[in-house]
C-alpha atoms as a PDB file:
ATOM      1  CA  MET A   1     100.171  99.213  75.154  1.00  0.00           C
ATOM      2  CA  ASP A   2     100.111  95.457  75.822  1.00  0.00           C
ATOM      3  CA  GLU A   3      97.911  94.313  78.688  1.00  0.00           C
ATOM      4  CA  LEU A   4     100.635  91.966  79.959  1.00  0.00           C
ATOM      5  CA  ILE A   5     104.314  91.369  79.296  1.00  0.00           C
ATOM      6  CA  ILE A   6     105.892  88.001  80.166  1.00  0.00           C
ATOM      7  CA  PHE A   7     109.453  86.939  80.841  1.00  0.00           C
ATOM      8  CA  TYR A   8     110.226  83.245  80.388  1.00  0.00           C
ATOM      9  CA  PRO A   9     113.719  81.989  81.357  1.00  0.00           C
ATOM     10  CA  GLU A  10     114.902  80.140  78.260  1.00  0.00           C
ATOM     11  CA  GLY A  11     117.098  77.158  79.089  1.00  0.00           C
ATOM     12  CA  HIS A  12     116.346  77.306  82.815  1.00  0.00           C
ATOM     13  CA  MET A  13     116.054  73.501  82.896  1.00  0.00           C
ATOM     14  CA  ALA A  14     119.872  73.424  83.040  1.00  0.00           C
ATOM     15  CA  HIS A  15     119.612  74.770  86.591  1.00  0.00           C
ATOM     16  CA  ALA A  16     118.427  71.644  88.393  1.00  0.00           C
ATOM     17  CA  GLN A  17     119.465  69.200  91.074  1.00  0.00           C
ATOM     18  CA  GLN A  18     117.820  65.821  91.420  1.00  0.00           C
ATOM     19  CA  GLY A  19     115.354  65.707  94.321  1.00  0.00           C
ATOM     20  CA  HIS A  20     115.581  69.432  95.051  1.00  0.00           C
ATOM     21  CA  PRO A  21     112.269  71.287  95.554  1.00  0.00           C
ATOM     22  CA  GLU A  22     113.472  74.278  93.508  1.00  0.00           C
ATOM     23  CA  ARG A  23     113.097  72.487  90.190  1.00  0.00           C
ATOM     24  CA  PRO A  24     112.310  73.396  86.574  1.00  0.00           C
ATOM     25  CA  GLU A  25     108.768  72.040  86.775  1.00  0.00           C
ATOM     26  CA  ARG A  26     107.818  75.034  88.929  1.00  0.00           C
ATOM     27  CA  VAL A  27     108.093  77.281  85.879  1.00  0.00           C
ATOM     28  CA  GLU A  28     107.032  74.766  83.258  1.00  0.00           C
ATOM     29  CA  CYS A  29     103.661  74.061  84.878  1.00  0.00           C
ATOM     30  CA  ILE A  30     102.930  77.810  84.829  1.00  0.00           C
ATOM     31  CA  ARG A  31     103.920  78.025  81.170  1.00  0.00           C
ATOM     32  CA  ILE A  32     101.653  75.075  80.317  1.00  0.00           C
ATOM     33  CA  LEU A  33      98.792  76.678  82.242  1.00  0.00           C
ATOM     34  CA  MET A  34      99.221  79.883  80.254  1.00  0.00           C
ATOM     35  CA  GLU A  35      99.220  77.906  77.019  1.00  0.00           C
ATOM     36  CA  GLU A  36      95.994  76.137  77.997  1.00  0.00           C
ATOM     37  CA  ILE A  37      94.236  79.405  78.840  1.00  0.00           C
ATOM     38  CA  GLY A  38      95.489  81.170  75.713  1.00  0.00           C
ATOM     39  CA  TRP A  39      97.655  83.726  77.478  1.00  0.00           C
ATOM     40  CA  TRP A  40     100.936  82.387  76.104  1.00  0.00           C
ATOM     41  CA  GLU A  41     100.124  83.213  72.492  1.00  0.00           C
ATOM     42  CA  LYS A  42      98.161  86.342  73.333  1.00  0.00           C
ATOM     43  CA  PHE A  43     100.796  88.247  75.297  1.00  0.00           C
ATOM     44  CA  PRO A  44     104.351  89.067  74.193  1.00  0.00           C
ATOM     45  CA  LYS A  45     107.450  87.562  75.751  1.00  0.00           C
ATOM     46  CA  ILE A  46     110.312  89.917  76.491  1.00  0.00           C
ATOM     47  CA  ALA A  47     114.036  89.218  76.240  1.00  0.00           C
ATOM     48  CA  PRO A  48     116.281  89.849  79.248  1.00  0.00           C
ATOM     49  CA  THR A  49     118.196  93.104  79.541  1.00  0.00           C
ATOM     50  CA  THR A  50     121.962  93.043  79.995  1.00  0.00           C
ATOM     51  CA  ILE A  51     122.679  94.208  83.539  1.00  0.00           C
ATOM     52  CA  PRO A  52     124.953  97.278  83.685  1.00  0.00           C
ATOM     53  CA  ASP A  53     127.819  96.896  86.145  1.00  0.00           C
ATOM     54  CA  GLU A  54     126.876 100.046  88.031  1.00  0.00           C
ATOM     55  CA  ILE A  55     123.479  98.515  88.798  1.00  0.00           C
ATOM     56  CA  LEU A  56     124.662  94.979  89.514  1.00  0.00           C
ATOM     57  CA  PHE A  57     127.402  96.157  91.884  1.00  0.00           C
ATOM     58  CA  LYS A  58     125.028  98.495  93.698  1.00  0.00           C
ATOM     59  CA  ILE A  59     123.059  95.389  94.714  1.00  0.00           C
ATOM     60  CA  HIS A  60     125.746  92.691  94.952  1.00  0.00           C
ATOM     61  CA  GLU A  61     129.346  93.126  96.035  1.00  0.00           C
ATOM     62  CA  PRO A  62     131.902  92.414  93.274  1.00  0.00           C
ATOM     63  CA  ALA A  63     133.628  89.842  95.485  1.00  0.00           C
ATOM     64  CA  TYR A  64     130.362  87.925  95.795  1.00  0.00           C
ATOM     65  CA  MET A  65     129.802  88.014  92.034  1.00  0.00           C
ATOM     66  CA  ASN A  66     133.296  86.591  91.549  1.00  0.00           C
ATOM     67  CA  ARG A  67     132.490  83.879  94.075  1.00  0.00           C
ATOM     68  CA  LEU A  68     129.187  83.043  92.366  1.00  0.00           C
ATOM     69  CA  GLN A  69     130.909  82.707  89.010  1.00  0.00           C
ATOM     70  CA  GLU A  70     133.611  80.513  90.522  1.00  0.00           C
ATOM     71  CA  VAL A  71     131.191  78.208  92.346  1.00  0.00           C
ATOM     72  CA  SER A  72     128.971  77.915  89.274  1.00  0.00           C
ATOM     73  CA  SER A  73     131.929  77.109  87.022  1.00  0.00           C
ATOM     74  CA  ARG A  74     132.429  74.001  89.177  1.00  0.00           C
ATOM     75  CA  GLY A  75     128.733  73.181  89.632  1.00  0.00           C
ATOM     76  CA  GLN A  76     129.159  73.278  93.405  1.00  0.00           C
ATOM     77  CA  SER A  77     126.737  74.240  96.166  1.00  0.00           C
ATOM     78  CA  PHE A  78     126.912  77.249  98.468  1.00  0.00           C
ATOM     79  CA  ASP A  79     125.193  75.349 101.272  1.00  0.00           C
ATOM     80  CA  MET A  80     122.908  72.366 101.723  1.00  0.00           C
ATOM     81  CA  ASP A  81     119.975  74.338 100.259  1.00  0.00           C
ATOM     82  CA  THR A  82     121.561  76.381  97.497  1.00  0.00           C
ATOM     83  CA  TYR A  83     123.066  74.574  94.537  1.00  0.00           C
ATOM     84  CA  THR A  84     124.572  75.649  91.233  1.00  0.00           C
ATOM     85  CA  THR A  85     125.217  73.917  87.935  1.00  0.00           C
ATOM     86  CA  LEU A  86     127.586  74.804  85.123  1.00  0.00           C
ATOM     87  CA  SER A  87     124.801  76.949  83.652  1.00  0.00           C
ATOM     88  CA  SER A  88     123.699  78.746  86.819  1.00  0.00           C
ATOM     89  CA  TRP A  89     125.914  81.823  86.397  1.00  0.00           C
ATOM     90  CA  GLU A  90     124.400  82.629  83.008  1.00  0.00           C
ATOM     91  CA  LEU A  91     120.876  81.695  84.094  1.00  0.00           C
ATOM     92  CA  ALA A  92     121.076  83.867  87.218  1.00  0.00           C
ATOM     93  CA  HIS A  93     122.048  86.828  85.026  1.00  0.00           C
ATOM     94  CA  GLN A  94     119.239  85.966  82.639  1.00  0.00           C
ATOM     95  CA  ALA A  95     116.677  85.906  85.455  1.00  0.00           C
ATOM     96  CA  ALA A  96     117.789  89.266  86.800  1.00  0.00           C
ATOM     97  CA  GLY A  97     117.905  90.685  83.281  1.00  0.00           C
ATOM     98  CA  GLY A  98     114.386  89.392  82.695  1.00  0.00           C
ATOM     99  CA  ALA A  99     113.232  91.119  85.871  1.00  0.00           C
ATOM    100  CA  ILE A 100     114.744  94.372  84.596  1.00  0.00           C
ATOM    101  CA  ALA A 101     113.074  93.984  81.206  1.00  0.00           C
ATOM    102  CA  VAL A 102     109.618  93.382  82.691  1.00  0.00           C
ATOM    103  CA  ALA A 103     109.931  96.203  85.220  1.00  0.00           C
ATOM    104  CA  SER A 104     111.117  98.628  82.546  1.00  0.00           C
ATOM    105  CA  ALA A 105     108.346  97.684  80.107  1.00  0.00           C
ATOM    106  CA  VAL A 106     105.715  98.345  82.767  1.00  0.00           C
ATOM    107  CA  TRP A 107     107.420 101.529  83.972  1.00  0.00           C
ATOM    108  CA  ASN A 108     107.621 102.932  80.435  1.00  0.00           C
ATOM    109  CA  ARG A 109     103.976 101.956  79.758  1.00  0.00           C
ATOM    110  CA  GLU A 110     104.902  99.540  76.994  1.00  0.00           C
ATOM    111  CA  ALA A 111     102.837  97.059  79.011  1.00  0.00           C
ATOM    112  CA  ARG A 112     100.137  97.609  81.612  1.00  0.00           C
ATOM    113  CA  ARG A 113     101.204  94.697  83.836  1.00  0.00           C
ATOM    114  CA  GLY A 114     104.216  92.410  84.097  1.00  0.00           C
ATOM    115  CA  PHE A 115     104.775  88.766  85.010  1.00  0.00           C
ATOM    116  CA  ALA A 116     108.386  87.557  85.276  1.00  0.00           C
ATOM    117  CA  MET A 117     109.072  83.854  85.745  1.00  0.00           C
ATOM    118  CA  THR A 118     112.410  84.610  87.356  1.00  0.00           C
ATOM    119  CA  ARG A 119     114.330  81.421  87.944  1.00  0.00           C
ATOM    120  CA  PRO A 120     116.636  80.942  89.835  1.00  0.00           C
ATOM    121  CA  PRO A 121     114.637  82.899  92.429  1.00  0.00           C
ATOM    122  CA  GLY A 122     116.166  85.791  94.304  1.00  0.00           C
ATOM    123  CA  HIS A 123     114.728  87.301  97.479  1.00  0.00           C
ATOM    124  CA  HIS A 124     117.037  85.479  99.925  1.00  0.00           C
ATOM    125  CA  ALA A 125     120.208  86.563  98.090  1.00  0.00           C
ATOM    126  CA  THR A 126     121.905  89.296 100.117  1.00  0.00           C
ATOM    127  CA  SER A 127     124.474  91.765  98.875  1.00  0.00           C
ATOM    128  CA  ASN A 128     127.239  89.247  99.540  1.00  0.00           C
ATOM    129  CA  ARG A 129     125.701  85.804  99.899  1.00  0.00           C
ATOM    130  CA  ALA A 130     123.688  83.163  98.067  1.00  0.00           C
ATOM    131  CA  MET A 131     121.194  81.310 100.243  1.00  0.00           C
ATOM    132  CA  GLY A 132     117.711  79.821 100.350  1.00  0.00           C
ATOM    133  CA  PHE A 133     117.836  78.558  96.727  1.00  0.00           C
ATOM    134  CA  CYS A 134     118.616  82.159  95.573  1.00  0.00           C
ATOM    135  CA  LEU A 135     121.700  83.320  93.663  1.00  0.00           C
ATOM    136  CA  MET A 136     121.033  86.924  92.569  1.00  0.00           C
ATOM    137  CA  ASN A 137     118.325  89.188  93.937  1.00  0.00           C
ATOM    138  CA  ASN A 138     116.217  89.661  90.814  1.00  0.00           C
ATOM    139  CA  ILE A 139     113.627  92.059  92.205  1.00  0.00           C
ATOM    140  CA  ALA A 140     116.248  94.225  93.921  1.00  0.00           C
ATOM    141  CA  ILE A 141     118.230  94.497  90.677  1.00  0.00           C
ATOM    142  CA  ALA A 142     115.046  95.436  88.794  1.00  0.00           C
ATOM    143  CA  ALA A 143     114.257  98.122  91.360  1.00  0.00           C
ATOM    144  CA  GLU A 144     117.777  99.531  91.180  1.00  0.00           C
ATOM    145  CA  TYR A 145     117.522  99.666  87.389  1.00  0.00           C
ATOM    146  CA  LEU A 146     114.305 101.686  87.607  1.00  0.00           C
ATOM    147  CA  ILE A 147     116.021 104.087  89.992  1.00  0.00           C
ATOM    148  CA  GLN A 148     119.265 104.552  88.039  1.00  0.00           C
ATOM    149  CA  ALA A 149     118.058 104.213  84.446  1.00  0.00           C
ATOM    150  CA  ASN A 150     114.479 105.473  84.652  1.00  0.00           C
ATOM    151  CA  GLY A 151     114.689 108.051  87.409  1.00  0.00           C
ATOM    152  CA  SER A 152     112.281 106.449  89.865  1.00  0.00           C
ATOM    153  CA  LYS A 153     112.411 107.940  93.353  1.00  0.00           C
ATOM    154  CA  ARG A 154     109.834 105.866  95.264  1.00  0.00           C
ATOM    155  CA  LEU A 155     109.275 102.166  94.691  1.00  0.00           C
ATOM    156  CA  VAL A 156     107.601  99.549  96.836  1.00  0.00           C
ATOM    157  CA  ILE A 157     108.455  95.855  96.989  1.00  0.00           C
ATOM    158  CA  ILE A 158     105.704  93.713  98.495  1.00  0.00           C
ATOM    159  CA  ASP A 159     106.953  90.245  99.352  1.00  0.00           C
ATOM    160  CA  LEU A 160     104.138  87.681  99.522  1.00  0.00           C
ATOM    161  CA  ASP A 161     106.346  84.597  99.703  1.00  0.00           C
ATOM    162  CA  LEU A 162     106.063  82.028 102.508  1.00  0.00           C
ATOM    163  CA  HIS A 163     109.549  82.996 103.691  1.00  0.00           C
ATOM    164  CA  HIS A 164     110.849  86.398 104.681  1.00  0.00           C
ATOM    165  CA  GLY A 165     112.940  87.994 101.941  1.00  0.00           C
ATOM    166  CA  ASN A 166     115.951  88.678 104.110  1.00  0.00           C
ATOM    167  CA  GLY A 167     118.122  89.534 101.132  1.00  0.00           C
ATOM    168  CA  THR A 168     115.797  92.197  99.769  1.00  0.00           C
ATOM    169  CA  GLU A 169     115.370  93.650 103.242  1.00  0.00           C
ATOM    170  CA  GLN A 170     119.116  93.785 103.847  1.00  0.00           C
ATOM    171  CA  ILE A 171     119.819  95.477 100.513  1.00  0.00           C
ATOM    172  CA  PHE A 172     117.335  98.316 101.044  1.00  0.00           C
ATOM    173  CA  TYR A 173     117.244  98.532 104.850  1.00  0.00           C
ATOM    174  CA  ASN A 174     119.038 101.883 105.049  1.00  0.00           C
ATOM    175  CA  ARG A 175     117.498 103.407 101.916  1.00  0.00           C
ATOM    176  CA  GLY A 176     114.391 105.524 101.525  1.00  0.00           C
ATOM    177  CA  ASP A 177     113.777 105.048  97.792  1.00  0.00           C
ATOM    178  CA  VAL A 178     112.474 101.478  98.163  1.00  0.00           C
ATOM    179  CA  PHE A 179     109.848 100.572 100.771  1.00  0.00           C
ATOM    180  CA  TYR A 180     110.004  96.836 101.525  1.00  0.00           C
ATOM    181  CA  LEU A 181     106.922  95.116 103.001  1.00  0.00           C
ATOM    182  CA  SER A 182     106.715  91.416 103.772  1.00  0.00           C
ATOM    183  CA  THR A 183     104.114  88.900 104.886  1.00  0.00           C
ATOM    184  CA  HIS A 184     105.715  85.604 105.860  1.00  0.00           C
ATOM    185  CA  GLN A 185     105.325  82.619 108.145  1.00  0.00           C
ATOM    186  CA  SER A 186     107.071  82.947 111.498  1.00  0.00           C
ATOM    187  CA  PRO A 187     108.825  81.082 112.960  1.00  0.00           C
ATOM    188  CA  LEU A 188     110.395  79.703 109.788  1.00  0.00           C
ATOM    189  CA  TYR A 189     113.527  79.963 107.660  1.00  0.00           C
ATOM    190  CA  PRO A 190     115.492  82.246 107.497  1.00  0.00           C
ATOM    191  CA  GLY A 191     114.492  83.470 110.975  1.00  0.00           C
ATOM    192  CA  THR A 192     114.414  87.154 110.051  1.00  0.00           C
ATOM    193  CA  GLY A 193     111.543  89.573 109.488  1.00  0.00           C
ATOM    194  CA  ASN A 194     110.684  90.739 112.979  1.00  0.00           C
ATOM    195  CA  ILE A 195     107.798  93.164 113.292  1.00  0.00           C
ATOM    196  CA  GLY A 196     110.020  95.785 114.928  1.00  0.00           C
ATOM    197  CA  ASP A 197     112.541  95.876 112.078  1.00  0.00           C
ATOM    198  CA  THR A 198     111.493  99.114 110.366  1.00  0.00           C
ATOM    199  CA  GLY A 199     114.682 100.354 108.721  1.00  0.00           C
ATOM    200  CA  VAL A 200     117.556 102.627 109.706  1.00  0.00           C
ATOM    201  CA  SER A 201     119.035 105.916 108.525  1.00  0.00           C
ATOM    202  CA  GLU A 202     117.272 107.085 105.339  1.00  0.00           C
ATOM    203  CA  GLY A 203     115.370 103.795 105.388  1.00  0.00           C
ATOM    204  CA  SER A 204     113.799 104.426 108.785  1.00  0.00           C
ATOM    205  CA  GLY A 205     110.090 103.710 108.475  1.00  0.00           C
ATOM    206  CA  LYS A 206     110.578 102.157 105.031  1.00  0.00           C
ATOM    207  CA  ASN A 207     110.630  98.486 106.086  1.00  0.00           C
ATOM    208  CA  ALA A 208     107.525  96.672 107.313  1.00  0.00           C
ATOM    209  CA  ASN A 209     107.321  93.047 108.400  1.00  0.00           C
ATOM    210  CA  PHE A 210     104.066  91.241 109.140  1.00  0.00           C
ATOM    211  CA  PRO A 211     105.050  87.795 110.482  1.00  0.00           C
ATOM    212  CA  LEU A 212     102.148  85.362 110.431  1.00  0.00           C
ATOM    213  CA  PRO A 213     102.033  82.322 112.730  1.00  0.00           C
ATOM    214  CA  PRO A 214     101.414  78.876 111.258  1.00  0.00           C
ATOM    215  CA  PHE A 215      97.820  78.157 110.219  1.00  0.00           C
ATOM    216  CA  SER A 216      97.026  81.739 109.378  1.00  0.00           C
ATOM    217  CA  GLY A 217      94.920  81.716 106.218  1.00  0.00           C
ATOM    218  CA  ASP A 218      92.781  83.763 103.862  1.00  0.00           C
ATOM    219  CA  GLN A 219      91.260  86.045 106.488  1.00  0.00           C
ATOM    220  CA  ALA A 220      94.671  86.863 107.942  1.00  0.00           C
ATOM    221  CA  PHE A 221      96.212  87.731 104.571  1.00  0.00           C
ATOM    222  CA  LEU A 222      93.272  89.810 103.363  1.00  0.00           C
ATOM    223  CA  THR A 223      93.076  91.693 106.666  1.00  0.00           C
ATOM    224  CA  VAL A 224      96.792  92.481 106.566  1.00  0.00           C
ATOM    225  CA  MET A 225      96.428  93.641 102.972  1.00  0.00           C
ATOM    226  CA  ASN A 226      93.420  95.871 103.679  1.00  0.00           C
ATOM    227  CA  ASP A 227      94.375  97.195 107.126  1.00  0.00           C
ATOM    228  CA  LEU A 228      98.156  97.457 106.859  1.00  0.00           C
ATOM    229  CA  ILE A 229      99.626  97.218 103.370  1.00  0.00           C
ATOM    230  CA  ILE A 230      97.144  99.357 101.433  1.00  0.00           C
ATOM    231  CA  PRO A 231      97.227 102.204 104.022  1.00  0.00           C
ATOM    232  CA  LEU A 232     101.035 102.136 104.027  1.00  0.00           C
ATOM    233  CA  LEU A 233     101.050 102.297 100.232  1.00  0.00           C
ATOM    234  CA  SER A 234      98.804 105.330 100.342  1.00  0.00           C
ATOM    235  CA  HIS A 235     101.070 107.004 102.892  1.00  0.00           C
ATOM    236  CA  TYR A 236     104.294 106.320 100.965  1.00  0.00           C
ATOM    237  CA  GLY A 237     102.939 106.947  97.451  1.00  0.00           C
ATOM    238  CA  PRO A 238     105.121 104.632  95.330  1.00  0.00           C
ATOM    239  CA  GLU A 239     105.512 105.178  91.605  1.00  0.00           C
ATOM    240  CA  MET A 240     105.357 101.414  90.933  1.00  0.00           C
ATOM    241  CA  ILE A 241     104.526  98.213  92.821  1.00  0.00           C
ATOM    242  CA  LEU A 242     106.939  95.281  92.524  1.00  0.00           C
ATOM    243  CA  VAL A 243     105.674  92.007  93.998  1.00  0.00           C
ATOM    244  CA  SER A 244     107.809  89.068  95.072  1.00  0.00           C
ATOM    245  CA  TYR A 245     105.353  86.346  94.049  1.00  0.00           C
ATOM    246  CA  GLY A 246     105.820  83.108  95.971  1.00  0.00           C
ATOM    247  CA  PHE A 247     103.004  80.583  95.786  1.00  0.00           C
ATOM    248  CA  ASP A 248     104.384  78.646  98.755  1.00  0.00           C
ATOM    249  CA  THR A 249     101.863  80.432 100.985  1.00  0.00           C
ATOM    250  CA  HIS A 250      99.245  78.126  99.454  1.00  0.00           C
ATOM    251  CA  TRP A 251      97.860  75.489 101.796  1.00  0.00           C
ATOM    252  CA  ARG A 252      99.192  72.632  99.632  1.00  0.00           C
ATOM    253  CA  ASP A 253     102.812  73.725  99.811  1.00  0.00           C
ATOM    254  CA  PRO A 254     105.112  71.151 101.473  1.00  0.00           C
ATOM    255  CA  LEU A 255     107.499  73.675 103.049  1.00  0.00           C
ATOM    256  CA  GLY A 256     105.044  75.782 105.019  1.00  0.00           C
ATOM    257  CA  ASN A 257     101.888  75.877 107.104  1.00  0.00           C
ATOM    258  CA  LEU A 258     100.078  78.962 105.893  1.00  0.00           C
ATOM    259  CA  LEU A 259      96.632  78.191 104.525  1.00  0.00           C
ATOM    260  CA  LEU A 260      96.207  80.689 101.705  1.00  0.00           C
ATOM    261  CA  SER A 261      93.894  79.721  98.838  1.00  0.00           C
ATOM    262  CA  GLY A 262      94.394  80.580  95.197  1.00  0.00           C
ATOM    263  CA  ASN A 263      91.323  82.802  95.205  1.00  0.00           C
ATOM    264  CA  ALA A 264      92.563  84.814  98.186  1.00  0.00           C
ATOM    265  CA  TYR A 265      95.935  85.291  96.508  1.00  0.00           C
ATOM    266  CA  GLY A 266      94.112  86.664  93.498  1.00  0.00           C
ATOM    267  CA  GLU A 267      92.041  88.968  95.697  1.00  0.00           C
ATOM    268  CA  MET A 268      95.231  90.428  97.179  1.00  0.00           C
ATOM    269  CA  ILE A 269      96.715  91.072  93.750  1.00  0.00           C
ATOM    270  CA  LYS A 270      93.439  92.646  92.634  1.00  0.00           C
ATOM    271  CA  LEU A 271      93.600  95.034  95.586  1.00  0.00           C
ATOM    272  CA  LEU A 272      97.159  95.976  94.654  1.00  0.00           C
ATOM    273  CA  SER A 273      96.288  96.291  90.951  1.00  0.00           C
ATOM    274  CA  ASP A 274      93.306  98.502  91.709  1.00  0.00           C
ATOM    275  CA  TRP A 275      95.499 100.690  93.938  1.00  0.00           C
ATOM    276  CA  ALA A 276      98.086 100.911  91.158  1.00  0.00           C
ATOM    277  CA  ASP A 277      95.416 101.955  88.656  1.00  0.00           C
ATOM    278  CA  GLN A 278      94.311 104.756  90.943  1.00  0.00           C
ATOM    279  CA  HIS A 279      97.685 106.008  92.142  1.00  0.00           C
ATOM    280  CA  CYS A 280     100.610 105.025  89.874  1.00  0.00           C
ATOM    281  CA  GLU A 281      99.263 104.674  86.343  1.00  0.00           C
ATOM    282  CA  GLY A 282      98.619 100.952  86.791  1.00  0.00           C
ATOM    283  CA  ARG A 283     102.286 100.070  87.253  1.00  0.00           C
ATOM    284  CA  ILE A 284     102.482  96.645  88.907  1.00  0.00           C
ATOM    285  CA  ALA A 285     104.631  93.611  88.087  1.00  0.00           C
ATOM    286  CA  LEU A 286     105.108  90.192  89.687  1.00  0.00           C
ATOM    287  CA  PHE A 287     108.427  88.362  89.984  1.00  0.00           C
ATOM    288  CA  LEU A 288     108.523  84.644  90.785  1.00  0.00           C
ATOM    289  CA  GLU A 289     110.121  83.562  94.054  1.00  0.00           C
ATOM    290  CA  GLY A 290     109.248  80.301  95.876  1.00  0.00           C
ATOM    291  CA  GLY A 291     106.471  77.729  95.704  1.00  0.00           C
ATOM    292  CA  TYR A 292     106.920  73.979  95.456  1.00  0.00           C
ATOM    293  CA  ASP A 293     103.556  72.300  94.861  1.00  0.00           C
ATOM    294  CA  LEU A 294     102.724  72.216  91.155  1.00  0.00           C
ATOM    295  CA  ASP A 295      98.948  72.221  91.577  1.00  0.00           C
ATOM    296  CA  ALA A 296      99.287  75.269  93.805  1.00  0.00           C
ATOM    297  CA  ALA A 297     101.482  76.867  91.148  1.00  0.00           C
ATOM    298  CA  ARG A 298      98.720  76.513  88.593  1.00  0.00           C
ATOM    299  CA  VAL A 299      95.823  77.830  90.679  1.00  0.00           C
ATOM    300  CA  CYS A 300      97.796  80.688  92.241  1.00  0.00           C
ATOM    301  CA  SER A 301      99.294  81.769  88.928  1.00  0.00           C
ATOM    302  CA  GLN A 302      95.928  81.704  87.192  1.00  0.00           C
ATOM    303  CA  SER A 303      94.456  83.724  90.043  1.00  0.00           C
ATOM    304  CA  VAL A 304      97.142  86.409  90.171  1.00  0.00           C
ATOM    305  CA  ILE A 305      97.371  86.877  86.406  1.00  0.00           C
ATOM    306  CA  SER A 306      93.572  86.984  86.133  1.00  0.00           C
ATOM    307  CA  ALA A 307      93.543  89.598  88.882  1.00  0.00           C
ATOM    308  CA  MET A 308      96.052  91.794  87.057  1.00  0.00           C
ATOM    309  CA  LEU A 309      94.045  91.472  83.834  1.00  0.00           C
ATOM    310  CA  GLY A 310      90.677  92.016  85.496  1.00  0.00           C
ATOM    311  CA  GLU A 311      89.450  88.593  84.418  1.00  0.00           C
ATOM    312  CA  PRO A 312      87.429  86.075  86.503  1.00  0.00           C
ATOM    313  CA  GLN A 313      89.395  83.705  88.722  1.00  0.00           C
ATOM    314  CA  GLU A 314      88.950  79.952  88.847  1.00  0.00           C
ATOM    315  CA  ASP A 315      90.309  78.093  91.873  1.00  0.00           C
ATOM    316  CA  THR A 316      89.984  74.399  91.051  1.00  0.00           C
ATOM    317  CA  ILE A 317      91.521  73.314  94.378  1.00  0.00           C
ATOM    318  CA  GLY A 318      89.534  75.451  96.796  1.00  0.00           C
ATOM    319  CA  LEU A 319      90.070  75.917 100.503  1.00  0.00           C
ATOM    320  CA  SER A 320      92.172  73.933 102.936  1.00  0.00           C
ATOM    321  CA  GLN A 321      90.351  71.442 105.122  1.00  0.00           C
ATOM    322  CA  ILE A 322      92.482  72.567 108.069  1.00  0.00           C
ATOM    323  CA  SER A 323      90.802  75.219 110.203  1.00  0.00           C
ATOM    324  CA  GLU A 324      92.459  78.618 110.277  1.00  0.00           C
ATOM    325  CA  ARG A 325      93.657  79.848 113.660  1.00  0.00           C
ATOM    326  CA  ASN A 326      93.404  83.358 115.063  1.00  0.00           C
ATOM    327  CA  GLU A 327      96.842  83.884 116.623  1.00  0.00           C
ATOM    328  CA  TRP A 328      97.658  86.341 113.821  1.00  0.00           C
ATOM    329  CA  LYS A 329      95.282  88.911 115.349  1.00  0.00           C
ATOM    330  CA  SER A 330      97.826  89.668 118.058  1.00  0.00           C
ATOM    331  CA  MET A 331     100.395  90.555 115.371  1.00  0.00           C
ATOM    332  CA  LEU A 332      97.785  92.707 113.631  1.00  0.00           C
ATOM    333  CA  ARG A 333      97.120  94.754 116.756  1.00  0.00           C
ATOM    334  CA  GLN A 334     100.832  95.193 117.360  1.00  0.00           C
ATOM    335  CA  ALA A 335     101.446  96.283 113.771  1.00  0.00           C
ATOM    336  CA  LEU A 336      98.535  98.736 113.795  1.00  0.00           C
ATOM    337  CA  ASP A 337      99.986 100.356 116.900  1.00  0.00           C
ATOM    338  CA  LEU A 338     103.542 100.356 115.559  1.00  0.00           C
ATOM    339  CA  TRP A 339     102.578 102.014 112.278  1.00  0.00           C
ATOM    340  CA  GLU A 340      99.922 104.241 113.902  1.00  0.00           C
ATOM    341  CA  LEU A 341      97.176 103.009 111.593  1.00  0.00           C
END
């Protein structure tokens, strides 16, 4: 069994728009970091899996897929945030197929951990709409593949991006086979992710949002992880942990005001990895979402991969000079009461 499996989106540079924050350098700086450390040569890269229609259309409506192909064939934009190029249709399929390949390799114990550089990102893409830089919901498609093709019955998606993953939430909101948990800055785009949104129907009690006010930092994230997320994992008992990895929670990121450090991000992933080792045969994989500062990309990626591998972390940037605030403690108390923890 390989210690780590990697998906790299070949040709992703063709999905780019001048001046847009969601740019190819986000992935390339991570690849270069891995080359410098020696991870790139050490760990195998996996090819994307072709997405079966029955899985794709369980996540995205056929009419939306037709629309995405049409818009991409013209290189148009869905909105002022979400662009396409002539290559975006193929690259979106490649990213989702890469997510499937990584998730399957970890599920089948071909690899102990997984790291998918999924680009274009995905967690804002709903069943019928592209938005927030996202075209297809990579992590949702990977989860559906594990359910349909591998027989999984209980998965958890933990979304650690700056922004709430409204698309992932919407897709699984009425389902009980995927528990979606999100930490995110609030208020902020897309304006969803309220603490009281806990799922409906079979998904009741399988959706947890932990909105953090601006200037929450390391203590807030680690407390939420220890006091809320880990206990909920233990209660639900997932067979695998899928993480929406956005490094835009880092204090350097230009789009947000959370003050997370690279080291704290690594500590959170270590907590999740340790839980996975104890409860689900070590099955954990990370899937790239947002993050727009390249220095933050390097330190966060080194930290989270080191955490999965059990190697020492090295945060060359350190802590923010802005003082963390304590407004998040009110949300913590509310969440503890809501979830009876």
